Amino acid sequence: MSDDQDNKPLSLWEMLQSVFSAALGVQSGKNRARDFSRGKPSHFIILGVLFTVLFVLVIFGVVQLVLHLAGV
């Protein structure tokens, strides 16, 4: 990598990929090192909380749909 890219902050897409990978437990060591060197903790915390809320809402919606289709 060039010196210019080492100091460049992470893009939203890179942060989203890291949050999804971390949620699944498949984050590579290379990307984890990149996140710690170029990312801001506050951005990852906000995205992690948003991902968690969205995940819970999707699971809740799926359960409600299944219960509705089952006639319960």
N, C-alpha and C. Protein backbone atom coordinates (compact mmCIF):
# COMPACT_ATOMS: atom_id res chain seq x y z
N MET A 1 0.83 -1.19 0.00
CA MET A 1 0.00 0.00 0.00
C MET A 1 0.87 1.24 0.00
N SER A 2 0.37 2.26 -0.58
CA SER A 2 1.11 3.51 -0.58
C SER A 2 0.91 4.22 0.75
N ASP A 3 1.79 5.18 1.02
CA ASP A 3 1.71 5.96 2.26
C ASP A 3 0.42 6.77 2.30
N ASP A 4 -0.07 7.19 1.11
CA ASP A 4 -1.29 7.99 1.05
C ASP A 4 -2.50 7.17 1.50
N GLN A 5 -2.53 5.88 1.15
CA GLN A 5 -3.67 5.05 1.52
C GLN A 5 -3.59 4.59 2.97
N ASP A 6 -2.41 4.57 3.56
CA ASP A 6 -2.26 4.18 4.96
C ASP A 6 -2.91 5.19 5.88
N ASN A 7 -2.94 6.47 5.51
CA ASN A 7 -3.49 7.52 6.36
C ASN A 7 -4.92 7.87 6.00
N LYS A 8 -5.42 7.35 4.90
CA LYS A 8 -6.77 7.67 4.45
C LYS A 8 -7.80 7.02 5.37
N PRO A 9 -8.80 7.77 5.83
CA PRO A 9 -9.83 7.14 6.69
C PRO A 9 -10.64 6.11 5.92
N LEU A 10 -11.22 5.19 6.65
CA LEU A 10 -12.02 4.13 6.03
C LEU A 10 -13.28 4.71 5.40
N SER A 11 -13.66 4.14 4.28
CA SER A 11 -14.92 4.55 3.65
C SER A 11 -16.08 3.87 4.38
N LEU A 12 -17.28 4.37 4.13
CA LEU A 12 -18.46 3.78 4.75
C LEU A 12 -18.59 2.31 4.35
N TRP A 13 -18.33 2.01 3.10
CA TRP A 13 -18.42 0.63 2.61
C TRP A 13 -17.43 -0.27 3.35
N GLU A 14 -16.19 0.18 3.56
CA GLU A 14 -15.19 -0.61 4.28
C GLU A 14 -15.62 -0.84 5.73
N MET A 15 -16.20 0.18 6.35
CA MET A 15 -16.66 0.03 7.73
C MET A 15 -17.83 -0.94 7.81
N LEU A 16 -18.78 -0.86 6.85
CA LEU A 16 -19.90 -1.79 6.84
C LEU A 16 -19.43 -3.23 6.66
N GLN A 17 -18.47 -3.43 5.77
CA GLN A 17 -17.92 -4.77 5.56
C GLN A 17 -17.29 -5.29 6.84
N SER A 18 -16.59 -4.43 7.55
CA SER A 18 -15.95 -4.85 8.80
C SER A 18 -16.97 -5.19 9.87
N VAL A 19 -18.04 -4.41 9.96
CA VAL A 19 -19.08 -4.67 10.96
C VAL A 19 -19.77 -5.99 10.64
N PHE A 20 -20.12 -6.24 9.38
CA PHE A 20 -20.77 -7.49 9.00
C PHE A 20 -19.84 -8.68 9.24
N SER A 21 -18.58 -8.52 8.87
CA SER A 21 -17.62 -9.61 9.08
C SER A 21 -17.43 -9.90 10.56
N ALA A 22 -17.35 -8.86 11.37
CA ALA A 22 -17.19 -9.05 12.80
C ALA A 22 -18.43 -9.71 13.40
N ALA A 23 -19.61 -9.35 12.92
CA ALA A 23 -20.84 -9.95 13.43
C ALA A 23 -20.89 -11.45 13.12
N LEU A 24 -20.36 -11.83 11.97
CA LEU A 24 -20.34 -13.24 11.60
C LEU A 24 -19.12 -13.97 12.17
N GLY A 25 -18.14 -13.23 12.66
CA GLY A 25 -16.94 -13.83 13.23
C GLY A 25 -15.94 -14.29 12.20
N VAL A 26 -15.93 -13.63 11.04
CA VAL A 26 -15.01 -14.04 9.97
C VAL A 26 -14.07 -12.91 9.55
N GLN A 27 -13.82 -11.96 10.42
CA GLN A 27 -12.95 -10.82 10.10
C GLN A 27 -11.52 -11.31 9.97
N SER A 28 -10.85 -10.94 8.89
CA SER A 28 -9.46 -11.34 8.70
C SER A 28 -8.53 -10.48 9.55
N GLY A 29 -7.38 -11.00 9.84
CA GLY A 29 -6.40 -10.26 10.64
C GLY A 29 -5.93 -8.99 9.93
N LYS A 30 -5.80 -9.09 8.62
CA LYS A 30 -5.37 -7.92 7.83
C LYS A 30 -6.40 -6.79 7.93
N ASN A 31 -7.67 -7.12 7.78
CA ASN A 31 -8.71 -6.09 7.87
C ASN A 31 -8.87 -5.57 9.28
N ARG A 32 -8.70 -6.44 10.27
CA ARG A 32 -8.77 -6.00 11.66
C ARG A 32 -7.66 -4.99 11.96
N ALA A 33 -6.45 -5.26 11.49
CA ALA A 33 -5.34 -4.32 11.68
C ALA A 33 -5.62 -3.00 10.96
N ARG A 34 -6.20 -3.08 9.76
CA ARG A 34 -6.58 -1.88 9.02
C ARG A 34 -7.60 -1.06 9.80
N ASP A 35 -8.58 -1.75 10.37
CA ASP A 35 -9.62 -1.05 11.12
C ASP A 35 -9.05 -0.33 12.33
N PHE A 36 -8.14 -0.97 13.05
CA PHE A 36 -7.56 -0.34 14.23
C PHE A 36 -6.63 0.81 13.88
N SER A 37 -6.00 0.74 12.72
CA SER A 37 -5.06 1.81 12.37
C SER A 37 -5.72 2.99 11.66
N ARG A 38 -6.79 2.73 10.88
CA ARG A 38 -7.41 3.81 10.10
C ARG A 38 -8.82 4.18 10.52
N GLY A 39 -9.48 3.34 11.32
CA GLY A 39 -10.86 3.58 11.68
C GLY A 39 -11.02 4.33 13.00
N LYS A 40 -12.19 4.93 13.17
CA LYS A 40 -12.52 5.60 14.42
C LYS A 40 -13.44 4.69 15.23
N PRO A 41 -13.14 4.50 16.50
CA PRO A 41 -13.98 3.62 17.32
C PRO A 41 -15.44 4.06 17.36
N SER A 42 -15.69 5.34 17.41
CA SER A 42 -17.07 5.83 17.50
C SER A 42 -17.88 5.41 16.27
N HIS A 43 -17.26 5.42 15.11
CA HIS A 43 -17.97 5.01 13.90
C HIS A 43 -18.35 3.53 13.96
N PHE A 44 -17.43 2.69 14.45
CA PHE A 44 -17.72 1.27 14.54
C PHE A 44 -18.77 0.98 15.61
N ILE A 45 -18.75 1.73 16.70
CA ILE A 45 -19.76 1.55 17.75
C ILE A 45 -21.14 1.91 17.22
N ILE A 46 -21.25 3.03 16.53
CA ILE A 46 -22.54 3.46 15.97
C ILE A 46 -23.05 2.44 14.96
N LEU A 47 -22.18 2.02 14.04
CA LEU A 47 -22.60 1.03 13.04
C LEU A 47 -22.95 -0.31 13.68
N GLY A 48 -22.21 -0.71 14.71
CA GLY A 48 -22.51 -1.96 15.41
C GLY A 48 -23.86 -1.92 16.10
N VAL A 49 -24.17 -0.80 16.74
CA VAL A 49 -25.47 -0.66 17.41
C VAL A 49 -26.59 -0.66 16.37
N LEU A 50 -26.41 0.08 15.27
CA LEU A 50 -27.42 0.10 14.22
C LEU A 50 -27.63 -1.29 13.61
N PHE A 51 -26.54 -2.01 13.37
CA PHE A 51 -26.64 -3.36 12.83
C PHE A 51 -27.40 -4.26 13.79
N THR A 52 -27.11 -4.16 15.09
CA THR A 52 -27.77 -4.99 16.09
C THR A 52 -29.27 -4.70 16.15
N VAL A 53 -29.63 -3.42 16.15
CA VAL A 53 -31.05 -3.04 16.17
C VAL A 53 -31.76 -3.55 14.92
N LEU A 54 -31.14 -3.37 13.76
CA LEU A 54 -31.73 -3.85 12.51
C LEU A 54 -31.87 -5.36 12.52
N PHE A 55 -30.88 -6.07 13.01
CA PHE A 55 -30.93 -7.53 13.09
C PHE A 55 -32.08 -7.99 13.98
N VAL A 56 -32.22 -7.37 15.15
CA VAL A 56 -33.30 -7.74 16.07
C VAL A 56 -34.66 -7.45 15.44
N LEU A 57 -34.80 -6.32 14.76
CA LEU A 57 -36.07 -5.99 14.12
C LEU A 57 -36.42 -6.97 13.00
N VAL A 58 -35.43 -7.39 12.24
CA VAL A 58 -35.67 -8.37 11.17
C VAL A 58 -36.09 -9.71 11.77
N ILE A 59 -35.41 -10.16 12.80
CA ILE A 59 -35.79 -11.42 13.45
C ILE A 59 -37.20 -11.31 14.02
N PHE A 60 -37.52 -10.21 14.67
CA PHE A 60 -38.86 -9.99 15.21
C PHE A 60 -39.90 -10.04 14.09
N GLY A 61 -39.62 -9.38 12.98
CA GLY A 61 -40.54 -9.38 11.85
C GLY A 61 -40.75 -10.77 11.27
N VAL A 62 -39.69 -11.55 11.16
CA VAL A 62 -39.81 -12.91 10.63
C VAL A 62 -40.65 -13.76 11.57
N VAL A 63 -40.42 -13.63 12.87
CA VAL A 63 -41.22 -14.40 13.83
C VAL A 63 -42.68 -14.01 13.76
N GLN A 64 -42.95 -12.72 13.66
CA GLN A 64 -44.35 -12.26 13.55
C GLN A 64 -45.00 -12.80 12.28
N LEU A 65 -44.28 -12.80 11.18
CA LEU A 65 -44.80 -13.32 9.93
C LEU A 65 -45.10 -14.80 10.04
N VAL A 66 -44.20 -15.57 10.61
CA VAL A 66 -44.41 -17.00 10.75
C VAL A 66 -45.61 -17.28 11.66
N LEU A 67 -45.71 -16.54 12.76
CA LEU A 67 -46.85 -16.73 13.65
C LEU A 67 -48.17 -16.38 12.96
N HIS A 68 -48.15 -15.31 12.16
CA HIS A 68 -49.36 -14.92 11.43
C HIS A 68 -49.76 -15.98 10.42
N LEU A 69 -48.78 -16.50 9.69
CA LEU A 69 -49.07 -17.52 8.68
C LEU A 69 -49.50 -18.84 9.32
N ALA A 70 -49.06 -19.06 10.55
CA ALA A 70 -49.44 -20.29 11.25
C ALA A 70 -50.81 -20.16 11.91
N GLY A 71 -51.36 -18.96 11.92
CA GLY A 71 -52.67 -18.75 12.49
C GLY A 71 -52.67 -18.60 14.01
N VAL A 72 -51.56 -18.28 14.56
CA VAL A 72 -51.46 -18.12 16.03
C VAL A 72 -51.70 -16.68 16.41
